Amino acid sequence: MITDLLSSRLHSLAGLSAASASLRVERKFGLTLLEWRSIAMLGGFAPLSLKELARRAGLDKSYASRTLSGLIERGFVISERNDADARGVMLRLSDEGRALYETVFADALTRNERLLSPLSSEQRKQLMEMLRALTHSAKRVLDEERRIAAGEAAEDDIVPPTHARAAAKAAADNGIDMDEVRYLVSRLNELVGTD
């Protein structure tokens, strides 16, 4: 069943998390989720160009541009000429934007704690390690798919799924407890509300 696939489960979990974050930042701070993502990226990585901000926040450049225009008008973001590229601008938070970032980020940490509350500290550590490994794997798979789409590689060049058992054995040999992985996946399923 499609809902048993990892990507389906992660998509569902991400959707639920984004929906709760969106409701919370709108209710408490009068921000849309896109505005909060933009403020959060500038709070952590400024100064950024619009292109880099859009990439980091996972936004289409046109959405990022409209979102930033509103944040600039409200006085949360400052746009300055880029010394390295006279045609470009660099974005950073104003003092008011920095204060808002710190307040909303503290609230985000509280929400994050609520999401992770069913997990023990050891399970949280394992989950973060698994998410790092899965993110690395997802980047590799994306790169492989891009190479195939560009004609730079063939489907046969990619490791076939028949190696899944060998990968599971390698994971076990590297200290990854597959029973714990299955338990965490089942707990994530409970949190997401799917079977």
Protein backbone atom coordinates (compact mmCIF):
# COMPACT_ATOMS: atom_id res chain seq x y z
CA MET A 1 0.00 0.00 0.00
CA ILE A 2 1.29 3.47 -0.84
CA THR A 3 0.81 4.68 2.73
CA ASP A 4 3.41 2.10 3.81
CA LEU A 5 6.13 3.82 1.78
CA LEU A 6 8.61 5.95 3.70
CA SER A 7 8.07 8.97 1.45
CA SER A 8 4.31 8.81 2.02
CA ARG A 9 4.73 8.62 5.80
CA LEU A 10 7.24 11.46 5.87
CA HIS A 11 5.04 13.59 3.62
CA SER A 12 2.09 13.02 5.94
CA LEU A 13 4.13 13.83 9.04
CA ALA A 14 5.60 16.95 7.42
CA GLY A 15 2.12 18.08 6.41
CA LEU A 16 0.77 17.69 9.93
CA SER A 17 3.75 19.47 11.41
CA ALA A 18 3.48 22.35 8.92
CA ALA A 19 -0.27 22.66 9.52
CA SER A 20 0.17 22.95 13.29
CA ALA A 21 3.07 25.39 12.87
CA SER A 22 1.05 27.48 10.45
CA LEU A 23 -1.92 27.73 12.82
CA ARG A 24 0.34 28.55 15.74
CA VAL A 25 2.45 31.30 14.14
CA GLU A 26 -0.66 32.89 12.60
CA ARG A 27 -2.55 32.81 15.90
CA LYS A 28 0.28 33.91 18.18
CA PHE A 29 2.41 36.16 15.98
CA GLY A 30 0.33 37.21 12.97
CA LEU A 31 2.75 35.55 10.53
CA THR A 32 2.14 33.15 7.67
CA LEU A 33 4.24 30.00 7.63
CA LEU A 34 6.18 31.36 4.61
CA GLU A 35 6.89 34.58 6.49
CA TRP A 36 8.12 32.61 9.51
CA ARG A 37 10.35 30.39 7.34
CA SER A 38 11.86 33.49 5.74
CA ILE A 39 12.44 35.18 9.11
CA ALA A 40 13.90 31.94 10.51
CA MET A 41 16.37 31.59 7.62
CA LEU A 42 17.44 35.21 7.96
CA GLY A 43 17.69 34.79 11.73
CA GLY A 44 20.05 31.87 11.32
CA PHE A 45 21.99 32.66 8.15
CA ALA A 46 21.77 36.37 7.19
CA PRO A 47 22.78 38.17 5.17
CA LEU A 48 21.25 36.20 2.28
CA SER A 49 20.38 36.96 -1.29
CA LEU A 50 16.78 36.38 -2.33
CA LYS A 51 17.86 33.34 -4.34
CA GLU A 52 19.72 31.80 -1.39
CA LEU A 53 16.89 32.58 1.01
CA ALA A 54 14.39 30.91 -1.33
CA ARG A 55 16.64 27.83 -1.63
CA ARG A 56 17.18 27.49 2.11
CA ALA A 57 13.48 28.01 2.93
CA GLY A 58 12.36 25.63 0.19
CA LEU A 59 10.33 28.36 -1.53
CA ASP A 60 9.76 29.26 -5.15
CA LYS A 61 11.67 32.49 -5.85
CA SER A 62 8.47 34.38 -6.78
CA TYR A 63 6.78 33.33 -3.49
CA ALA A 64 9.90 34.34 -1.60
CA SER A 65 9.94 37.73 -3.34
CA ARG A 66 6.30 38.47 -2.46
CA THR A 67 6.79 37.24 1.09
CA LEU A 68 9.90 39.38 1.58
CA SER A 69 8.20 42.46 0.16
CA GLY A 70 5.58 42.23 2.90
CA LEU A 71 8.20 41.66 5.60
CA ILE A 72 10.19 44.67 4.38
CA GLU A 73 7.05 46.83 4.41
CA ARG A 74 6.30 45.71 7.98
CA GLY A 75 9.83 46.63 9.07
CA PHE A 76 11.06 43.11 9.91
CA VAL A 77 13.54 42.77 7.05
CA ILE A 78 16.10 45.17 5.58
CA SER A 79 17.16 44.98 1.94
CA GLU A 80 20.63 46.36 1.19
CA ARG A 81 22.62 46.65 -2.02
CA ASN A 82 25.00 43.74 -2.53
CA ASP A 83 28.56 45.10 -2.75
CA ALA A 84 29.65 42.03 -4.72
CA ASP A 85 26.83 42.37 -7.27
CA ALA A 86 25.49 45.89 -7.87
CA ARG A 87 22.27 44.46 -9.37
CA GLY A 88 21.56 42.23 -6.36
CA VAL A 89 20.46 42.85 -2.81
CA MET A 90 21.25 41.21 0.47
CA LEU A 91 18.57 40.65 3.09
CA ARG A 92 18.86 40.73 6.87
CA LEU A 93 16.57 41.18 9.85
CA SER A 94 15.97 44.61 11.35
CA ASP A 95 16.21 44.98 15.13
CA GLU A 96 12.43 44.48 15.28
CA GLY A 97 12.74 41.43 13.02
CA ARG A 98 15.53 39.98 15.20
CA ALA A 99 13.37 40.39 18.33
CA LEU A 100 10.45 38.69 16.55
CA TYR A 101 12.73 35.86 15.38
CA GLU A 102 13.96 35.21 18.91
CA THR A 103 10.41 35.16 20.30
CA VAL A 104 8.98 32.90 17.59
CA PHE A 105 12.03 30.60 17.66
CA ALA A 106 11.63 30.09 21.42
CA ASP A 107 7.99 29.20 20.77
CA ALA A 108 9.05 26.83 17.96
CA LEU A 109 11.33 25.02 20.42
CA THR A 110 8.32 24.52 22.71
CA ARG A 111 6.25 23.12 19.83
CA ASN A 112 9.16 20.90 18.82
CA GLU A 113 9.28 19.51 22.37
CA ARG A 114 5.54 18.75 22.21
CA LEU A 115 6.06 16.83 18.96
CA LEU A 116 8.92 14.79 20.39
CA SER A 117 7.29 14.18 23.79
CA PRO A 118 6.36 10.50 23.13
CA LEU A 119 10.02 9.61 22.56
CA SER A 120 12.68 8.92 25.18
CA SER A 121 15.98 10.80 24.97
CA GLU A 122 17.64 7.72 23.45
CA GLN A 123 14.86 7.39 20.86
CA ARG A 124 15.21 11.08 20.00
CA LYS A 125 18.93 10.64 19.47
CA GLN A 126 18.34 7.60 17.27
CA LEU A 127 15.61 9.39 15.33
CA MET A 128 17.92 12.33 14.59
CA GLU A 129 20.67 9.93 13.48
CA MET A 130 18.19 8.09 11.25
CA LEU A 131 16.90 11.35 9.78
CA ARG A 132 20.48 12.41 8.99
CA ALA A 133 21.10 9.06 7.28
CA LEU A 134 17.81 9.24 5.37
CA THR A 135 18.50 12.84 4.29
CA HIS A 136 21.91 11.80 2.97
CA SER A 137 20.31 8.85 1.16
CA ALA A 138 17.52 11.03 -0.28
CA LYS A 139 20.13 13.47 -1.66
CA ARG A 140 22.00 10.58 -3.26
CA VAL A 141 18.81 9.16 -4.80
CA LEU A 142 17.87 12.62 -6.12
CA ASP A 143 21.31 13.01 -7.65
CA GLU A 144 20.98 9.56 -9.26
CA GLU A 145 17.56 10.44 -10.69
CA ARG A 146 18.89 13.73 -12.06
CA ARG A 147 21.79 11.92 -13.71
CA ILE A 148 19.41 9.39 -15.29
CA ALA A 149 17.06 12.17 -16.46
CA ALA A 150 20.00 14.05 -18.01
CA GLY A 151 21.19 10.89 -19.79
CA GLU A 152 24.41 10.81 -17.78
CA ALA A 153 23.59 7.43 -16.22
CA ALA A 154 21.37 4.47 -16.97
CA GLU A 155 18.84 2.81 -14.69
CA ASP A 156 21.16 -0.24 -14.58
CA ASP A 157 23.94 1.94 -13.12
CA ILE A 158 21.89 2.42 -9.96
CA VAL A 159 22.10 -0.12 -7.12
CA PRO A 160 19.03 -2.37 -7.49
CA PRO A 161 16.59 -2.90 -4.61
CA THR A 162 17.66 -6.54 -4.32
CA HIS A 163 20.52 -5.24 -2.20
CA ALA A 164 18.07 -4.21 0.53
CA ARG A 165 18.86 -7.26 2.66
CA ALA A 166 22.58 -6.61 2.37
CA ALA A 167 21.96 -2.96 3.33
CA ALA A 168 19.94 -4.08 6.37
CA LYS A 169 22.78 -6.43 7.38
CA ALA A 170 25.31 -3.60 6.92
CA ALA A 171 23.13 -1.33 9.05
CA ALA A 172 23.03 -3.98 11.77
CA ASP A 173 26.80 -4.44 11.50
CA ASN A 174 27.19 -0.68 11.96
CA GLY A 175 25.24 -0.70 15.21
CA ILE A 176 21.82 0.31 13.90
CA ASP A 177 19.17 -1.65 15.75
CA MET A 178 16.57 -2.54 13.09
CA ASP A 179 14.04 -3.50 15.77
CA GLU A 180 14.42 0.01 17.17
CA VAL A 181 14.01 1.47 13.67
CA ARG A 182 10.79 -0.51 13.21
CA TYR A 183 9.58 0.65 16.63
CA LEU A 184 10.31 4.30 15.80
CA VAL A 185 8.55 3.97 12.45
CA SER A 186 5.50 2.50 14.21
CA ARG A 187 5.56 5.37 16.74
CA LEU A 188 5.81 7.90 13.91
CA ASN A 189 2.84 6.18 12.29
CA GLU A 190 0.87 6.57 15.52
CA LEU A 191 1.80 10.25 15.69
CA VAL A 192 0.79 10.75 12.08
CA GLY A 193 -2.42 8.80 12.60
CA THR A 194 -1.94 6.11 9.97
CA ASP A 195 -1.66 2.36 10.33
